[in-house]
Amino acid sequence: MMKKIRSLISFIIIFLSFFYFYTSQNPHNQTGAAGHMSYGYVEIPKENEIPAVNLTVTPDGPDTWLLKLDLHHFTFAPEKVGEKQPSYNEGHAHLYINGKKISRLYGEYYHLGNLKEGRNKITVTLNSNNHGALMAGGKPVQATKAIEVNLQEIAENST
């Protein structure tokens, strides 16, 4: 009986070791300190125009929200996503809500849908075609806005 238990424990340990190894090697499962996917960073050379992103979040119906991006020196290029060479003034954006990656963005508008009650931190990063987050002078090219959601107020205003 002890031999079977030891064999089972050995199997579980080996299985969990392999499972951890293979899941940790998948780049889509790795996150960095700020919750960003760890595709790395792409530092924009000083001779390039530095892109910028601004965002606005407005109500889109009684309890949903609309994100609008205002881009400078940056063009969406969904057909080039996944290229190995870094790009500095074209690519896509990543949308994070409260530190969790929600989606890639390929256009200036995105319907956020419902947000949770309270403070919601909306962050958009500009990313190279190779998925690296763009950096200028060691700082990420991104915009963040905090949205305060009061569900009771929304309910009162919709009646």
N, C-alpha and C. Protein backbone atom coordinates (compact mmCIF):
# COMPACT_ATOMS: atom_id res chain seq x y z
N MET A 1 0.82 -1.18 0.00
CA MET A 1 0.00 0.00 0.00
C MET A 1 0.87 1.26 0.00
N MET A 2 1.94 1.28 0.82
CA MET A 2 2.85 2.43 0.86
C MET A 2 3.51 2.66 -0.49
N LYS A 3 3.80 1.59 -1.19
CA LYS A 3 4.46 1.70 -2.49
C LYS A 3 3.53 2.40 -3.48
N LYS A 4 2.24 2.08 -3.44
CA LYS A 4 1.26 2.73 -4.33
C LYS A 4 1.14 4.21 -4.00
N ILE A 5 1.13 4.56 -2.74
CA ILE A 5 1.01 5.96 -2.32
C ILE A 5 2.24 6.75 -2.78
N ARG A 6 3.43 6.15 -2.60
CA ARG A 6 4.66 6.82 -3.05
C ARG A 6 4.65 7.01 -4.57
N SER A 7 4.19 5.99 -5.28
CA SER A 7 4.11 6.09 -6.74
C SER A 7 3.14 7.19 -7.16
N LEU A 8 2.01 7.27 -6.50
CA LEU A 8 1.03 8.30 -6.81
C LEU A 8 1.58 9.70 -6.51
N ILE A 9 2.22 9.85 -5.38
CA ILE A 9 2.82 11.14 -5.02
C ILE A 9 3.90 11.52 -6.02
N SER A 10 4.74 10.55 -6.41
CA SER A 10 5.79 10.82 -7.40
C SER A 10 5.18 11.26 -8.73
N PHE A 11 4.12 10.57 -9.14
CA PHE A 11 3.44 10.93 -10.39
C PHE A 11 2.89 12.36 -10.33
N ILE A 12 2.25 12.69 -9.23
CA ILE A 12 1.66 14.03 -9.08
C ILE A 12 2.76 15.10 -9.12
N ILE A 13 3.85 14.87 -8.44
CA ILE A 13 4.96 15.84 -8.42
C ILE A 13 5.53 16.02 -9.83
N ILE A 14 5.76 14.92 -10.52
CA ILE A 14 6.29 14.99 -11.89
C ILE A 14 5.28 15.70 -12.81
N PHE A 15 4.02 15.33 -12.69
CA PHE A 15 2.98 15.95 -13.53
C PHE A 15 2.93 17.46 -13.29
N LEU A 16 2.89 17.87 -12.03
CA LEU A 16 2.82 19.30 -11.72
C LEU A 16 4.07 20.04 -12.19
N SER A 17 5.23 19.40 -12.10
CA SER A 17 6.46 20.03 -12.58
C SER A 17 6.40 20.27 -14.08
N PHE A 18 5.99 19.26 -14.85
CA PHE A 18 5.86 19.42 -16.30
C PHE A 18 4.78 20.45 -16.64
N PHE A 19 3.66 20.40 -15.94
CA PHE A 19 2.58 21.35 -16.18
C PHE A 19 3.06 22.78 -15.96
N TYR A 20 3.74 23.04 -14.85
CA TYR A 20 4.26 24.37 -14.57
C TYR A 20 5.26 24.80 -15.63
N PHE A 21 6.18 23.90 -16.00
CA PHE A 21 7.19 24.24 -17.00
C PHE A 21 6.55 24.64 -18.32
N TYR A 22 5.64 23.84 -18.83
CA TYR A 22 5.03 24.13 -20.13
C TYR A 22 4.12 25.35 -20.10
N THR A 23 3.39 25.56 -19.04
CA THR A 23 2.53 26.75 -18.98
C THR A 23 3.35 28.01 -18.77
N SER A 24 4.47 27.93 -18.08
CA SER A 24 5.30 29.11 -17.88
C SER A 24 6.07 29.49 -19.14
N GLN A 25 6.22 28.58 -20.09
CA GLN A 25 6.91 28.87 -21.33
C GLN A 25 6.02 29.55 -22.37
N ASN A 26 4.71 29.53 -22.15
CA ASN A 26 3.77 30.15 -23.09
C ASN A 26 3.80 31.66 -22.87
N PRO A 27 4.22 32.47 -23.89
CA PRO A 27 4.32 33.91 -23.70
C PRO A 27 2.98 34.58 -23.45
N HIS A 28 1.89 33.96 -23.82
CA HIS A 28 0.57 34.56 -23.59
C HIS A 28 0.15 34.44 -22.14
N ASN A 29 0.80 33.62 -21.35
CA ASN A 29 0.46 33.46 -19.93
C ASN A 29 1.33 34.31 -19.02
N GLN A 30 2.37 34.93 -19.56
CA GLN A 30 3.31 35.65 -18.72
C GLN A 30 2.86 37.10 -18.58
N THR A 31 2.90 37.62 -17.37
CA THR A 31 2.56 39.01 -17.15
C THR A 31 3.70 39.69 -16.42
N GLY A 32 3.84 40.97 -16.69
CA GLY A 32 4.88 41.76 -16.06
C GLY A 32 4.36 42.37 -14.77
N ALA A 33 5.17 43.24 -14.18
CA ALA A 33 4.85 43.82 -12.88
C ALA A 33 3.57 44.64 -12.90
N ALA A 34 3.30 45.33 -14.00
CA ALA A 34 2.12 46.18 -14.05
C ALA A 34 0.93 45.46 -14.67
N GLY A 35 1.04 44.17 -14.83
CA GLY A 35 -0.06 43.43 -15.43
C GLY A 35 0.02 43.40 -16.95
N HIS A 36 1.05 44.04 -17.51
CA HIS A 36 1.19 44.04 -18.97
C HIS A 36 1.74 42.71 -19.42
N MET A 37 1.34 42.31 -20.60
CA MET A 37 1.87 41.08 -21.16
C MET A 37 3.37 41.28 -21.36
N SER A 38 4.14 40.26 -21.12
CA SER A 38 5.58 40.42 -21.18
C SER A 38 6.13 40.09 -22.56
N TYR A 39 5.68 40.87 -23.54
CA TYR A 39 6.27 40.78 -24.87
C TYR A 39 7.53 41.62 -24.92
N GLY A 40 7.80 42.31 -23.86
CA GLY A 40 8.96 43.19 -23.81
C GLY A 40 8.58 44.60 -24.18
N TYR A 41 9.59 45.42 -24.31
CA TYR A 41 9.39 46.82 -24.62
C TYR A 41 10.17 47.17 -25.88
N VAL A 42 9.69 48.17 -26.57
CA VAL A 42 10.36 48.66 -27.76
C VAL A 42 10.66 50.13 -27.52
N GLU A 43 11.92 50.44 -27.31
CA GLU A 43 12.33 51.84 -27.09
C GLU A 43 12.39 52.53 -28.45
N ILE A 44 11.70 53.66 -28.55
CA ILE A 44 11.65 54.42 -29.80
C ILE A 44 12.94 55.22 -29.94
N PRO A 45 13.64 55.05 -31.06
CA PRO A 45 14.89 55.82 -31.25
C PRO A 45 14.60 57.33 -31.22
N LYS A 46 15.55 58.09 -30.72
CA LYS A 46 15.38 59.53 -30.56
C LYS A 46 15.08 60.25 -31.87
N GLU A 47 15.55 59.72 -32.99
CA GLU A 47 15.33 60.40 -34.27
C GLU A 47 13.90 60.21 -34.81
N ASN A 48 13.12 59.32 -34.22
CA ASN A 48 11.73 59.08 -34.65
C ASN A 48 10.79 60.05 -33.94
N GLU A 49 9.68 60.34 -34.62
CA GLU A 49 8.62 61.10 -33.95
C GLU A 49 8.05 60.22 -32.85
N ILE A 50 7.82 60.80 -31.69
CA ILE A 50 7.31 60.06 -30.55
C ILE A 50 5.78 60.04 -30.62
N PRO A 51 5.18 58.84 -30.69
CA PRO A 51 3.72 58.78 -30.71
C PRO A 51 3.14 59.13 -29.35
N ALA A 52 1.87 59.47 -29.36
CA ALA A 52 1.16 59.76 -28.11
C ALA A 52 -0.27 59.27 -28.25
N VAL A 53 -0.87 58.96 -27.11
CA VAL A 53 -2.27 58.54 -27.08
C VAL A 53 -2.97 59.28 -25.95
N ASN A 54 -4.15 59.78 -26.24
CA ASN A 54 -5.03 60.36 -25.23
C ASN A 54 -6.32 59.56 -25.32
N LEU A 55 -7.04 59.48 -24.20
CA LEU A 55 -8.29 58.73 -24.24
C LEU A 55 -9.39 59.50 -23.52
N THR A 56 -10.60 59.27 -24.01
CA THR A 56 -11.78 59.78 -23.33
C THR A 56 -12.73 58.60 -23.15
N VAL A 57 -13.44 58.62 -22.05
CA VAL A 57 -14.44 57.60 -21.77
C VAL A 57 -15.74 58.34 -21.47
N THR A 58 -16.77 58.04 -22.25
CA THR A 58 -18.05 58.72 -22.09
C THR A 58 -19.17 57.69 -21.95
N PRO A 59 -20.27 58.10 -21.31
CA PRO A 59 -21.42 57.17 -21.22
C PRO A 59 -21.92 56.84 -22.63
N ASP A 60 -22.32 55.60 -22.80
CA ASP A 60 -22.84 55.11 -24.08
C ASP A 60 -24.12 54.34 -23.78
N GLY A 61 -25.15 55.06 -23.40
CA GLY A 61 -26.37 54.42 -22.95
C GLY A 61 -26.47 54.59 -21.45
N PRO A 62 -27.49 54.01 -20.84
CA PRO A 62 -27.72 54.24 -19.41
C PRO A 62 -26.64 53.68 -18.49
N ASP A 63 -26.00 52.57 -18.84
CA ASP A 63 -25.00 52.00 -17.92
C ASP A 63 -23.81 51.37 -18.64
N THR A 64 -23.51 51.84 -19.84
CA THR A 64 -22.35 51.34 -20.58
C THR A 64 -21.47 52.53 -20.96
N TRP A 65 -20.26 52.22 -21.40
CA TRP A 65 -19.25 53.25 -21.63
C TRP A 65 -18.58 53.05 -22.98
N LEU A 66 -18.14 54.18 -23.58
CA LEU A 66 -17.46 54.18 -24.87
C LEU A 66 -16.08 54.80 -24.71
N LEU A 67 -15.07 54.09 -25.20
CA LEU A 67 -13.69 54.56 -25.19
C LEU A 67 -13.37 55.16 -26.55
N LYS A 68 -12.76 56.34 -26.57
CA LYS A 68 -12.30 56.95 -27.82
C LYS A 68 -10.83 57.31 -27.64
N LEU A 69 -10.01 56.91 -28.62
CA LEU A 69 -8.58 57.20 -28.60
C LEU A 69 -8.28 58.36 -29.54
N ASP A 70 -7.38 59.21 -29.12
CA ASP A 70 -6.87 60.30 -29.95
C ASP A 70 -5.37 60.03 -30.10
N LEU A 71 -4.96 59.67 -31.30
CA LEU A 71 -3.57 59.26 -31.56
C LEU A 71 -2.79 60.35 -32.27
N HIS A 72 -1.52 60.47 -31.92
CA HIS A 72 -0.61 61.41 -32.58
C HIS A 72 0.63 60.64 -33.01
N HIS A 73 1.01 60.77 -34.26
CA HIS A 73 2.20 60.11 -34.82
C HIS A 73 2.13 58.59 -34.66
N PHE A 74 0.92 58.04 -34.79
CA PHE A 74 0.74 56.59 -34.67
C PHE A 74 -0.43 56.17 -35.54
N THR A 75 -0.25 55.06 -36.26
CA THR A 75 -1.28 54.52 -37.15
C THR A 75 -1.53 53.06 -36.79
N PHE A 76 -2.80 52.70 -36.74
CA PHE A 76 -3.13 51.29 -36.54
C PHE A 76 -2.77 50.50 -37.78
N ALA A 77 -2.15 49.34 -37.61
CA ALA A 77 -1.73 48.48 -38.73
C ALA A 77 -2.04 47.02 -38.40
N PRO A 78 -3.34 46.67 -38.32
CA PRO A 78 -3.69 45.29 -37.93
C PRO A 78 -3.15 44.23 -38.88
N GLU A 79 -2.96 44.58 -40.14
CA GLU A 79 -2.45 43.60 -41.10
C GLU A 79 -0.99 43.23 -40.86
N LYS A 80 -0.30 44.00 -40.02
CA LYS A 80 1.12 43.75 -39.76
C LYS A 80 1.39 43.16 -38.37
N VAL A 81 0.35 42.91 -37.61
CA VAL A 81 0.53 42.39 -36.25
C VAL A 81 1.28 41.06 -36.30
N GLY A 82 2.26 40.92 -35.43
CA GLY A 82 3.04 39.69 -35.36
C GLY A 82 4.35 39.74 -36.11
N GLU A 83 4.64 40.85 -36.79
CA GLU A 83 5.93 40.97 -37.47
C GLU A 83 7.05 40.93 -36.45
N LYS A 84 8.17 40.39 -36.83
CA LYS A 84 9.31 40.26 -35.91
C LYS A 84 10.00 41.60 -35.66
N GLN A 85 10.11 42.42 -36.71
CA GLN A 85 10.79 43.70 -36.59
C GLN A 85 9.93 44.67 -35.80
N PRO A 86 10.53 45.43 -34.89
CA PRO A 86 9.74 46.42 -34.15
C PRO A 86 9.30 47.56 -35.06
N SER A 87 8.19 48.15 -34.75
CA SER A 87 7.69 49.34 -35.44
C SER A 87 7.53 50.42 -34.39
N TYR A 88 7.70 51.67 -34.80
CA TYR A 88 7.69 52.76 -33.83
C TYR A 88 6.48 53.67 -33.94
N ASN A 89 5.92 53.79 -35.13
CA ASN A 89 4.82 54.72 -35.34
C ASN A 89 3.59 54.04 -35.92
N GLU A 90 3.57 52.72 -35.81
CA GLU A 90 2.39 51.97 -36.22
C GLU A 90 2.33 50.69 -35.40
N GLY A 91 1.13 50.12 -35.34
CA GLY A 91 0.94 48.89 -34.58
C GLY A 91 -0.49 48.79 -34.11
N HIS A 92 -0.65 48.50 -32.83
CA HIS A 92 -1.97 48.34 -32.23
C HIS A 92 -1.89 48.82 -30.78
N ALA A 93 -3.01 48.78 -30.09
CA ALA A 93 -3.04 49.20 -28.69
C ALA A 93 -3.51 48.03 -27.84
N HIS A 94 -3.18 48.07 -26.56
CA HIS A 94 -3.69 47.11 -25.60
C HIS A 94 -4.55 47.87 -24.60
N LEU A 95 -5.71 47.32 -24.29
CA LEU A 95 -6.64 47.92 -23.34
C LEU A 95 -6.60 47.15 -22.03
N TYR A 96 -6.42 47.87 -20.92
CA TYR A 96 -6.43 47.28 -19.59
C TYR A 96 -7.49 47.99 -18.76
N ILE A 97 -8.27 47.22 -18.03
CA ILE A 97 -9.21 47.79 -17.08
C ILE A 97 -8.85 47.23 -15.71
N ASN A 98 -8.52 48.13 -14.81
CA ASN A 98 -8.11 47.76 -13.45
C ASN A 98 -6.94 46.77 -13.45
N GLY A 99 -5.98 47.00 -14.36
CA GLY A 99 -4.78 46.19 -14.43
C GLY A 99 -4.90 44.89 -15.20
N LYS A 100 -6.10 44.54 -15.66
CA LYS A 100 -6.32 43.29 -16.39
C LYS A 100 -6.45 43.59 -17.88
N LYS A 101 -5.67 42.86 -18.70
CA LYS A 101 -5.76 43.06 -20.14
C LYS A 101 -7.12 42.59 -20.62
N ILE A 102 -7.79 43.47 -21.36
CA ILE A 102 -9.12 43.17 -21.88
C ILE A 102 -9.08 42.81 -23.35
N SER A 103 -8.32 43.59 -24.14
CA SER A 103 -8.35 43.38 -25.58
C SER A 103 -7.20 44.10 -26.27
N ARG A 104 -6.97 43.71 -27.51
CA ARG A 104 -6.16 44.51 -28.42
C ARG A 104 -7.13 45.48 -29.10
N LEU A 105 -6.61 46.64 -29.46
CA LEU A 105 -7.42 47.63 -30.17
C LEU A 105 -6.78 47.91 -31.52
N TYR A 106 -7.63 47.97 -32.56
CA TYR A 106 -7.16 48.26 -33.91
C TYR A 106 -7.85 49.48 -34.50
N GLY A 107 -8.55 50.22 -33.67
CA GLY A 107 -9.25 51.40 -34.14
C GLY A 107 -9.43 52.37 -32.99
N GLU A 108 -9.97 53.54 -33.31
CA GLU A 108 -10.05 54.60 -32.30
C GLU A 108 -11.21 54.46 -31.32
N TYR A 109 -12.22 53.61 -31.62
CA TYR A 109 -13.36 53.45 -30.72
C TYR A 109 -13.43 52.01 -30.20
N TYR A 110 -13.89 51.88 -28.94
CA TYR A 110 -14.11 50.56 -28.36
C TYR A 110 -15.25 50.67 -27.34
N HIS A 111 -16.23 49.80 -27.46
CA HIS A 111 -17.34 49.77 -26.52
C HIS A 111 -16.91 49.00 -25.28
N LEU A 112 -16.79 49.70 -24.15
CA LEU A 112 -16.33 49.08 -22.91
C LEU A 112 -17.42 48.24 -22.24
N GLY A 113 -18.68 48.52 -22.54
CA GLY A 113 -19.76 47.81 -21.87
C GLY A 113 -19.92 48.32 -20.46
N ASN A 114 -20.36 47.45 -19.57
CA ASN A 114 -20.55 47.80 -18.16
C ASN A 114 -19.21 47.82 -17.44
N LEU A 115 -19.07 48.76 -16.53
CA LEU A 115 -17.92 48.80 -15.64
C LEU A 115 -18.40 48.52 -14.23
N LYS A 116 -17.51 48.02 -13.39
CA LYS A 116 -17.90 47.69 -12.02
C LYS A 116 -18.16 48.95 -11.22
N GLU A 117 -18.94 48.81 -10.18
CA GLU A 117 -19.23 49.92 -9.28
C GLU A 117 -17.93 50.43 -8.66
N GLY A 118 -17.83 51.77 -8.53
CA GLY A 118 -16.65 52.36 -7.91
C GLY A 118 -15.67 52.88 -8.94
N ARG A 119 -14.42 52.94 -8.54
CA ARG A 119 -13.35 53.49 -9.38
C ARG A 119 -12.84 52.42 -10.35
N ASN A 120 -12.76 52.80 -11.62
CA ASN A 120 -12.23 51.93 -12.67
C ASN A 120 -11.08 52.65 -13.35
N LYS A 121 -9.93 51.97 -13.42
CA LYS A 121 -8.74 52.55 -14.04
C LYS A 121 -8.63 51.97 -15.46
N ILE A 122 -8.77 52.84 -16.47
CA ILE A 122 -8.69 52.45 -17.87
C ILE A 122 -7.32 52.87 -18.39
N THR A 123 -6.55 51.92 -18.91
CA THR A 123 -5.22 52.22 -19.46
C THR A 123 -5.13 51.66 -20.87
N VAL A 124 -4.56 52.46 -21.76
CA VAL A 124 -4.31 52.04 -23.14
C VAL A 124 -2.83 52.24 -23.41
N THR A 125 -2.16 51.17 -23.86
CA THR A 125 -0.75 51.25 -24.25
C THR A 125 -0.66 51.15 -25.76
N LEU A 126 0.30 51.85 -26.34
CA LEU A 126 0.58 51.68 -27.77
C LEU A 126 1.64 50.61 -27.90
N ASN A 127 1.43 49.72 -28.87
CA ASN A 127 2.31 48.56 -29.03
C ASN A 127 2.79 48.44 -30.46
N SER A 128 4.03 48.01 -30.57
CA SER A 128 4.66 47.75 -31.85
C SER A 128 3.97 46.56 -32.54
N ASN A 129 4.20 46.42 -33.82
CA ASN A 129 3.66 45.26 -34.54
C ASN A 129 4.17 43.94 -33.95
N ASN A 130 5.34 43.97 -33.29
CA ASN A 130 5.86 42.75 -32.67
C ASN A 130 5.33 42.56 -31.24
N HIS A 131 4.31 43.34 -30.86
CA HIS A 131 3.62 43.29 -29.57
C HIS A 131 4.34 43.97 -28.43
N GLY A 132 5.58 44.41 -28.62
CA GLY A 132 6.28 45.10 -27.55
C GLY A 132 5.62 46.43 -27.24
N ALA A 133 5.54 46.75 -25.96
CA ALA A 133 4.98 48.04 -25.55
C ALA A 133 5.96 49.14 -25.91
N LEU A 134 5.47 50.19 -26.57
CA LEU A 134 6.34 51.28 -26.99
C LEU A 134 6.76 52.11 -25.78
N MET A 135 8.06 52.49 -25.79
CA MET A 135 8.64 53.30 -24.73
C MET A 135 9.36 54.48 -25.37
N ALA A 136 9.28 55.63 -24.70
CA ALA A 136 10.00 56.82 -25.15
C ALA A 136 10.72 57.40 -23.94
N GLY A 137 12.02 57.47 -24.01
CA GLY A 137 12.79 57.97 -22.87
C GLY A 137 12.62 57.11 -21.63
N GLY A 138 12.41 55.82 -21.82
CA GLY A 138 12.25 54.90 -20.70
C GLY A 138 10.86 54.88 -20.09
N LYS A 139 9.91 55.64 -20.66
CA LYS A 139 8.54 55.67 -20.14
C LYS A 139 7.58 55.07 -21.16
N PRO A 140 6.60 54.29 -20.71
CA PRO A 140 5.65 53.69 -21.65
C PRO A 140 4.80 54.76 -22.34
N VAL A 141 4.51 54.52 -23.61
CA VAL A 141 3.61 55.39 -24.36
C VAL A 141 2.20 54.88 -24.07
N GLN A 142 1.51 55.57 -23.17
CA GLN A 142 0.20 55.09 -22.73
C GLN A 142 -0.61 56.26 -22.18
N ALA A 143 -1.87 55.99 -21.97
CA ALA A 143 -2.76 56.96 -21.33
C ALA A 143 -3.61 56.21 -20.33
N THR A 144 -3.93 56.88 -19.22
CA THR A 144 -4.75 56.27 -18.17
C THR A 144 -5.80 57.28 -17.74
N LYS A 145 -6.99 56.77 -17.50
CA LYS A 145 -8.09 57.61 -17.01
C LYS A 145 -8.85 56.81 -15.96
N ALA A 146 -9.23 57.48 -14.89
CA ALA A 146 -10.04 56.84 -13.85
C ALA A 146 -11.50 57.25 -14.06
N ILE A 147 -12.38 56.27 -14.03
CA ILE A 147 -13.82 56.50 -14.19
C ILE A 147 -14.51 56.03 -12.92
N GLU A 148 -15.31 56.89 -12.35
CA GLU A 148 -16.07 56.57 -11.15
C GLU A 148 -17.48 56.15 -11.58
N VAL A 149 -17.88 54.95 -11.22
CA VAL A 149 -19.20 54.43 -11.60
C VAL A 149 -20.07 54.32 -10.35
N ASN A 150 -21.21 54.97 -10.40
CA ASN A 150 -22.19 54.93 -9.31
C ASN A 150 -23.45 54.31 -9.87
N LEU A 151 -23.65 53.02 -9.63
CA LEU A 151 -24.79 52.29 -10.21
C LEU A 151 -26.13 52.82 -9.71
N GLN A 152 -26.18 53.28 -8.46
CA GLN A 152 -27.43 53.82 -7.93
C GLN A 152 -27.81 55.10 -8.68
N GLU A 153 -26.83 55.95 -8.93
CA GLU A 153 -27.07 57.19 -9.66
C GLU A 153 -27.52 56.89 -11.09
N ILE A 154 -26.90 55.88 -11.72
CA ILE A 154 -27.27 55.50 -13.07
C ILE A 154 -28.71 55.02 -13.10
N ALA A 155 -29.09 54.20 -12.11
CA ALA A 155 -30.47 53.67 -12.04
C ALA A 155 -31.47 54.80 -11.85
N GLU A 156 -31.14 55.77 -11.02
CA GLU A 156 -32.05 56.90 -10.78
C GLU A 156 -32.22 57.77 -12.02
N ASN A 157 -31.14 57.96 -12.77
CA ASN A 157 -31.18 58.79 -13.97
C ASN A 157 -31.88 58.11 -15.14
N SER A 158 -31.95 56.79 -15.13
CA SER A 158 -32.57 56.07 -16.25
C SER A 158 -34.07 55.88 -16.07
N THR A 159 -34.62 56.27 -14.89
CA THR A 159 -36.07 56.12 -14.67
C THR A 159 -36.81 57.42 -14.90
